[in-house]
Amino acid sequence: MADWVTISSLATAGGTLVLAGATFASVRSANRAARVAERSLLSGLQPLLVTSRLDDPTQKVHFQDGRVLVTPGGGGAAQVGDEAVYLTLSVRNAGSGIAVLHGWRFYPERNADLRRPDPAGFRPLTRDLYVAPGDIGFWQGAFRDSSEPEYAAARKAVEDREVISVDILYGDYEGGQRTITRIALWPMDEERWLAGVGRHWNVDRDDPREH
């Protein structure tokens, strides 16, 4: 004689197990779809700075003390004043989102170190700089405190026409997807400096090179 109580309990348990499996699969699929949607949204906001092209327009970059540096496409400018060392770069945003520049770091040499710099060591910009997607813009920085070691190093590198490097820290307009781009400047003649991108690092995301 069939034990209908046992059969009923087993059927209920089996149904519960099937329902749990279906729920798990549904939640997993929903999470995957949410991650894909989030990734797609972030891709639409992601900036990526590169050097501008040689045929891009020349830009006049103004500093707070009235100094103006003429910055050509595909390059940069560097000058030593009586009380400051001035640096500029012409950049292009190859990404799909607006780039908001946060800070910078200077090297009086061509820096070939492949390790990602620590964002905590960057100098903050004194004014907001933005580069629209697909458009050109600029970065600017200055050393004004003659007592700091970097002032003397930057002054010597510019006066001696040596290769220099600049790391630029930037992100999207929401403050996320921070990226560091390293750009080197090579002296071409008495005034012109040619720019070239050396490397990009993700700050808020995994670095694909690590995999």
Foldseek 3Di string as FASTA:
>chain_A
DDPVVVVVVVVVVVVVVVVVVVVVVVVVVVVVVVVVVVVVVVQLQWWDKWFFDQPDQWDWDADPVGDTDTQGGQFWWWDDDPQKTKIKGKIAIQGNHKKKWFFKDKFLAPDPDPDDDDPVPTDGDPDIFIHGHGGMGMDMDMDGDPVDPVRVSSVVSLVVQHKMKMWIWITGPVPDFIKIWMKIWHDDDNTITGIGTDDMDTDRDDDPVVD
